[in-house]
């Protein structure tokens, strides 16, 4: 299995993409063109990815020595559109930091 931080980065980006699709494609399809099925499908996928993100974040907290404030920052960032893409660079650095501290 992947390193917990690498898995978290992947899920974070997928969840952020699904959020943007929900906001900018599915919601307009529902409200402008009367296609509510788009929100049902994309909304369910986004919900599953968000729950997976929460479990992945918890897993990272249990397997690394990250401070709770870092996890809180990531959680709040996941609630805002576009912010996870900016946080990804920091997460890459945190993943490198954790892998360099791993025992050989």
N, C-alpha and C. Protein backbone atom coordinates (compact mmCIF):
# COMPACT_ATOMS: atom_id res chain seq x y z
N UNK A 1 0.84 -1.19 0.00
CA UNK A 1 0.00 0.00 0.00
C UNK A 1 0.88 1.24 0.00
N UNK A 2 0.36 2.29 -0.60
CA UNK A 2 1.10 3.54 -0.67
C UNK A 2 1.35 4.14 0.71
N UNK A 3 2.33 5.01 0.77
CA UNK A 3 2.57 5.78 1.99
C UNK A 3 1.30 6.58 2.30
N UNK A 4 0.91 6.68 3.55
CA UNK A 4 -0.35 7.38 3.89
C UNK A 4 -0.45 8.80 3.35
N UNK A 5 0.65 9.54 3.34
CA UNK A 5 0.60 10.92 2.85
C UNK A 5 0.42 10.94 1.34
N UNK A 6 1.05 10.04 0.62
CA UNK A 6 0.88 9.97 -0.83
C UNK A 6 -0.56 9.63 -1.18
N UNK A 7 -1.14 8.69 -0.45
CA UNK A 7 -2.54 8.34 -0.67
C UNK A 7 -3.45 9.53 -0.36
N UNK A 8 -3.15 10.23 0.71
CA UNK A 8 -3.93 11.42 1.07
C UNK A 8 -3.85 12.48 -0.01
N UNK A 9 -2.66 12.70 -0.56
CA UNK A 9 -2.52 13.67 -1.65
C UNK A 9 -3.38 13.29 -2.84
N UNK A 10 -3.36 12.04 -3.21
CA UNK A 10 -4.16 11.57 -4.35
C UNK A 10 -5.64 11.77 -4.10
N UNK A 11 -6.10 11.35 -2.94
CA UNK A 11 -7.53 11.49 -2.61
C UNK A 11 -7.91 12.96 -2.52
N UNK A 12 -7.04 13.79 -1.97
CA UNK A 12 -7.34 15.22 -1.86
C UNK A 12 -7.56 15.84 -3.23
N UNK A 13 -6.70 15.50 -4.18
CA UNK A 13 -6.85 16.06 -5.52
C UNK A 13 -8.11 15.53 -6.22
N UNK A 14 -8.38 14.24 -6.07
CA UNK A 14 -9.60 13.68 -6.67
C UNK A 14 -10.86 14.31 -6.07
N UNK A 15 -10.84 14.50 -4.76
CA UNK A 15 -11.99 15.10 -4.08
C UNK A 15 -12.17 16.55 -4.53
N UNK A 16 -11.07 17.27 -4.70
CA UNK A 16 -11.14 18.66 -5.15
C UNK A 16 -11.69 18.76 -6.57
N UNK A 17 -11.26 17.85 -7.43
CA UNK A 17 -11.76 17.83 -8.80
C UNK A 17 -13.26 17.52 -8.81
N UNK A 18 -13.67 16.55 -8.01
CA UNK A 18 -15.10 16.20 -7.96
C UNK A 18 -15.93 17.36 -7.43
N UNK A 19 -15.37 18.13 -6.49
CA UNK A 19 -16.07 19.30 -5.95
C UNK A 19 -16.27 20.36 -7.04
N UNK A 20 -15.22 20.59 -7.83
CA UNK A 20 -15.32 21.57 -8.91
C UNK A 20 -16.31 21.12 -9.98
N UNK A 21 -16.31 19.83 -10.30
CA UNK A 21 -17.28 19.31 -11.27
C UNK A 21 -18.69 19.49 -10.73
N UNK A 22 -18.87 19.22 -9.46
CA UNK A 22 -20.18 19.39 -8.84
C UNK A 22 -20.63 20.85 -8.91
N UNK A 23 -19.74 21.77 -8.55
CA UNK A 23 -20.10 23.19 -8.52
C UNK A 23 -20.30 23.80 -9.90
N UNK A 24 -19.41 23.47 -10.83
CA UNK A 24 -19.40 24.21 -12.09
C UNK A 24 -19.98 23.47 -13.29
N UNK A 25 -20.28 22.19 -13.13
CA UNK A 25 -20.91 21.44 -14.22
C UNK A 25 -22.27 20.90 -13.79
N UNK A 26 -22.28 20.10 -12.72
CA UNK A 26 -23.52 19.43 -12.32
C UNK A 26 -24.58 20.42 -11.81
N UNK A 27 -24.19 21.37 -11.00
CA UNK A 27 -25.17 22.34 -10.48
C UNK A 27 -25.78 23.19 -11.59
N UNK A 28 -24.99 23.72 -12.52
CA UNK A 28 -25.63 24.44 -13.63
C UNK A 28 -26.53 23.55 -14.48
N UNK A 29 -26.13 22.29 -14.68
CA UNK A 29 -27.00 21.38 -15.42
C UNK A 29 -28.34 21.20 -14.72
N UNK A 30 -28.30 21.14 -13.40
CA UNK A 30 -29.54 20.96 -12.64
C UNK A 30 -30.41 22.21 -12.69
N UNK A 31 -29.82 23.34 -12.38
CA UNK A 31 -30.63 24.55 -12.20
C UNK A 31 -30.89 25.33 -13.49
N UNK A 32 -29.99 25.26 -14.45
CA UNK A 32 -30.20 26.00 -15.70
C UNK A 32 -30.92 25.16 -16.76
N UNK A 33 -30.64 23.86 -16.78
CA UNK A 33 -31.20 23.03 -17.83
C UNK A 33 -32.10 21.91 -17.32
N UNK A 34 -32.41 21.93 -16.03
CA UNK A 34 -33.36 20.97 -15.47
C UNK A 34 -32.92 19.52 -15.55
N UNK A 35 -31.65 19.27 -15.27
CA UNK A 35 -31.11 17.90 -15.30
C UNK A 35 -30.62 17.52 -13.90
N UNK A 36 -31.53 17.16 -12.99
CA UNK A 36 -31.12 16.89 -11.61
C UNK A 36 -30.28 15.62 -11.44
N UNK A 37 -30.31 14.73 -12.41
CA UNK A 37 -29.54 13.49 -12.29
C UNK A 37 -28.03 13.77 -12.22
N UNK A 38 -27.58 14.84 -12.85
CA UNK A 38 -26.15 15.18 -12.80
C UNK A 38 -25.68 15.41 -11.36
N UNK A 39 -26.49 16.13 -10.59
CA UNK A 39 -26.11 16.40 -9.20
C UNK A 39 -26.18 15.12 -8.37
N UNK A 40 -27.14 14.27 -8.65
CA UNK A 40 -27.23 13.02 -7.89
C UNK A 40 -26.00 12.15 -8.11
N UNK A 41 -25.57 12.02 -9.34
CA UNK A 41 -24.42 11.15 -9.65
C UNK A 41 -23.12 11.76 -9.16
N UNK A 42 -22.87 12.99 -9.55
CA UNK A 42 -21.61 13.65 -9.16
C UNK A 42 -21.59 13.90 -7.66
N UNK A 43 -22.74 14.23 -7.09
CA UNK A 43 -22.81 14.45 -5.65
C UNK A 43 -22.48 13.21 -4.85
N UNK A 44 -22.97 12.06 -5.32
CA UNK A 44 -22.66 10.81 -4.61
C UNK A 44 -21.17 10.48 -4.73
N UNK A 45 -20.61 10.66 -5.92
CA UNK A 45 -19.18 10.40 -6.09
C UNK A 45 -18.35 11.34 -5.22
N UNK A 46 -18.73 12.60 -5.20
CA UNK A 46 -18.02 13.57 -4.36
C UNK A 46 -18.14 13.21 -2.88
N UNK A 47 -19.32 12.80 -2.46
CA UNK A 47 -19.52 12.41 -1.07
C UNK A 47 -18.65 11.23 -0.67
N UNK A 48 -18.58 10.23 -1.54
CA UNK A 48 -17.73 9.07 -1.26
C UNK A 48 -16.25 9.47 -1.20
N UNK A 49 -15.84 10.34 -2.11
CA UNK A 49 -14.45 10.80 -2.08
C UNK A 49 -14.17 11.63 -0.83
N UNK A 50 -15.13 12.42 -0.38
CA UNK A 50 -14.93 13.22 0.83
C UNK A 50 -14.79 12.33 2.06
N UNK A 51 -15.62 11.30 2.15
CA UNK A 51 -15.52 10.36 3.28
C UNK A 51 -14.17 9.64 3.23
N UNK A 52 -13.75 9.25 2.03
CA UNK A 52 -12.44 8.60 1.88
C UNK A 52 -11.33 9.56 2.29
N UNK A 53 -11.47 10.83 1.91
CA UNK A 53 -10.50 11.84 2.31
C UNK A 53 -10.41 11.93 3.84
N UNK A 54 -11.56 11.94 4.51
CA UNK A 54 -11.56 12.04 5.97
C UNK A 54 -10.86 10.84 6.60
N UNK A 55 -11.14 9.64 6.10
CA UNK A 55 -10.46 8.44 6.61
C UNK A 55 -8.96 8.49 6.32
N UNK A 56 -8.59 8.96 5.12
CA UNK A 56 -7.17 9.06 4.77
C UNK A 56 -6.46 10.07 5.66
N UNK A 57 -7.12 11.17 5.95
CA UNK A 57 -6.54 12.17 6.84
C UNK A 57 -6.35 11.60 8.24
N UNK A 58 -7.32 10.87 8.73
CA UNK A 58 -7.21 10.22 10.04
C UNK A 58 -6.05 9.22 10.03
N UNK A 59 -5.93 8.46 8.94
CA UNK A 59 -4.86 7.47 8.84
C UNK A 59 -3.49 8.15 8.89
N UNK A 60 -3.37 9.29 8.21
CA UNK A 60 -2.11 10.03 8.24
C UNK A 60 -1.79 10.50 9.65
N UNK A 61 -2.81 10.99 10.35
CA UNK A 61 -2.58 11.44 11.73
C UNK A 61 -2.11 10.30 12.63
N UNK A 62 -2.61 9.10 12.38
CA UNK A 62 -2.22 7.96 13.21
C UNK A 62 -0.84 7.41 12.85
N UNK A 63 -0.41 7.58 11.60
CA UNK A 63 0.85 6.99 11.16
C UNK A 63 2.02 7.97 11.07
N UNK A 64 1.75 9.23 11.21
CA UNK A 64 2.82 10.23 11.15
C UNK A 64 2.78 11.05 12.43
N UNK A 65 3.69 11.95 12.55
CA UNK A 65 3.72 12.83 13.72
C UNK A 65 3.25 14.23 13.36
N UNK A 66 2.28 14.29 12.48
CA UNK A 66 1.75 15.58 12.07
C UNK A 66 1.03 16.23 13.24
N UNK A 67 1.15 17.54 13.39
CA UNK A 67 0.36 18.23 14.42
C UNK A 67 -1.11 18.29 13.99
N UNK A 68 -1.99 18.39 14.95
CA UNK A 68 -3.42 18.45 14.67
C UNK A 68 -3.76 19.68 13.83
N UNK A 69 -3.03 20.76 14.03
CA UNK A 69 -3.29 22.00 13.28
C UNK A 69 -3.10 21.79 11.78
N UNK A 70 -2.16 20.94 11.39
CA UNK A 70 -1.94 20.64 9.97
C UNK A 70 -3.12 19.88 9.40
N UNK A 71 -3.62 18.93 10.16
CA UNK A 71 -4.79 18.18 9.71
C UNK A 71 -6.01 19.09 9.62
N UNK A 72 -6.14 19.99 10.56
CA UNK A 72 -7.25 20.94 10.54
C UNK A 72 -7.16 21.85 9.32
N UNK A 73 -5.95 22.30 8.99
CA UNK A 73 -5.74 23.11 7.80
C UNK A 73 -6.19 22.36 6.54
N UNK A 74 -5.81 21.09 6.43
CA UNK A 74 -6.20 20.30 5.27
C UNK A 74 -7.70 20.09 5.22
N UNK A 75 -8.32 19.87 6.36
CA UNK A 75 -9.77 19.67 6.38
C UNK A 75 -10.49 20.93 5.93
N UNK A 76 -10.09 22.07 6.44
CA UNK A 76 -10.73 23.33 6.05
C UNK A 76 -10.46 23.61 4.57
N UNK A 77 -9.26 23.32 4.10
CA UNK A 77 -8.93 23.53 2.69
C UNK A 77 -9.80 22.66 1.79
N UNK A 78 -10.17 21.48 2.25
CA UNK A 78 -11.00 20.59 1.43
C UNK A 78 -12.42 21.13 1.27
N UNK A 79 -12.83 22.03 2.12
CA UNK A 79 -14.17 22.60 2.04
C UNK A 79 -14.26 23.79 1.09
N UNK A 80 -13.12 24.27 0.62
CA UNK A 80 -13.08 25.46 -0.23
C UNK A 80 -12.63 25.07 -1.64
N UNK A 81 -13.32 25.56 -2.67
CA UNK A 81 -12.91 25.22 -4.03
C UNK A 81 -11.52 25.80 -4.35
N UNK A 82 -10.75 25.08 -5.11
CA UNK A 82 -9.41 25.45 -5.60
C UNK A 82 -8.31 25.41 -4.55
N UNK A 83 -8.60 25.52 -3.28
CA UNK A 83 -7.56 25.59 -2.24
C UNK A 83 -6.74 24.30 -2.16
N UNK A 84 -7.33 23.11 -2.29
CA UNK A 84 -6.50 21.90 -2.22
C UNK A 84 -5.38 21.85 -3.27
N UNK A 85 -5.58 22.48 -4.41
CA UNK A 85 -4.54 22.50 -5.43
C UNK A 85 -3.34 23.32 -4.99
N UNK A 86 -3.59 24.37 -4.23
CA UNK A 86 -2.50 25.20 -3.71
C UNK A 86 -1.80 24.54 -2.53
N UNK A 87 -2.53 23.78 -1.75
CA UNK A 87 -1.98 23.09 -0.58
C UNK A 87 -1.15 21.87 -1.00
N UNK A 88 -1.39 21.36 -2.21
CA UNK A 88 -0.71 20.14 -2.66
C UNK A 88 0.81 20.28 -2.63
N UNK A 89 1.32 21.44 -2.94
CA UNK A 89 2.77 21.64 -2.91
C UNK A 89 3.32 21.44 -1.49
N UNK A 90 2.60 21.98 -0.52
CA UNK A 90 3.01 21.78 0.88
C UNK A 90 2.92 20.30 1.26
N UNK A 91 1.86 19.65 0.80
CA UNK A 91 1.69 18.23 1.13
C UNK A 91 2.82 17.39 0.54
N UNK A 92 3.28 17.76 -0.64
CA UNK A 92 4.42 17.06 -1.25
C UNK A 92 5.65 17.21 -0.37
N UNK A 93 5.87 18.41 0.16
CA UNK A 93 7.02 18.64 1.05
C UNK A 93 6.85 17.87 2.35
N UNK A 94 5.62 17.84 2.87
CA UNK A 94 5.38 17.08 4.11
C UNK A 94 5.59 15.60 3.89
N UNK A 95 5.21 15.08 2.72
CA UNK A 95 5.42 13.66 2.41
C UNK A 95 6.90 13.35 2.33
N UNK A 96 7.67 14.24 1.70
CA UNK A 96 9.12 14.04 1.61
C UNK A 96 9.75 14.10 3.00
N UNK A 97 9.26 14.99 3.83
CA UNK A 97 9.76 15.11 5.21
C UNK A 97 9.49 13.83 5.99
N UNK A 98 8.28 13.28 5.84
CA UNK A 98 7.93 12.05 6.57
C UNK A 98 8.72 10.86 6.05
N UNK A 99 8.95 10.78 4.75
CA UNK A 99 9.68 9.63 4.21
C UNK A 99 11.16 9.69 4.57
N UNK A 100 11.70 10.90 4.74
CA UNK A 100 13.11 11.01 5.13
C UNK A 100 13.31 10.67 6.60
N UNK A 101 12.25 10.79 7.40
CA UNK A 101 12.35 10.45 8.82
C UNK A 101 12.03 9.00 9.11
N UNK A 102 11.57 8.27 8.11
CA UNK A 102 11.20 6.87 8.31
C UNK A 102 12.47 6.05 8.63
N UNK A 103 12.34 5.09 9.55
CA UNK A 103 13.51 4.26 9.88
C UNK A 103 13.88 3.37 8.72
N UNK A 104 15.17 3.16 8.54
CA UNK A 104 15.65 2.35 7.42
C UNK A 104 15.64 0.88 7.73
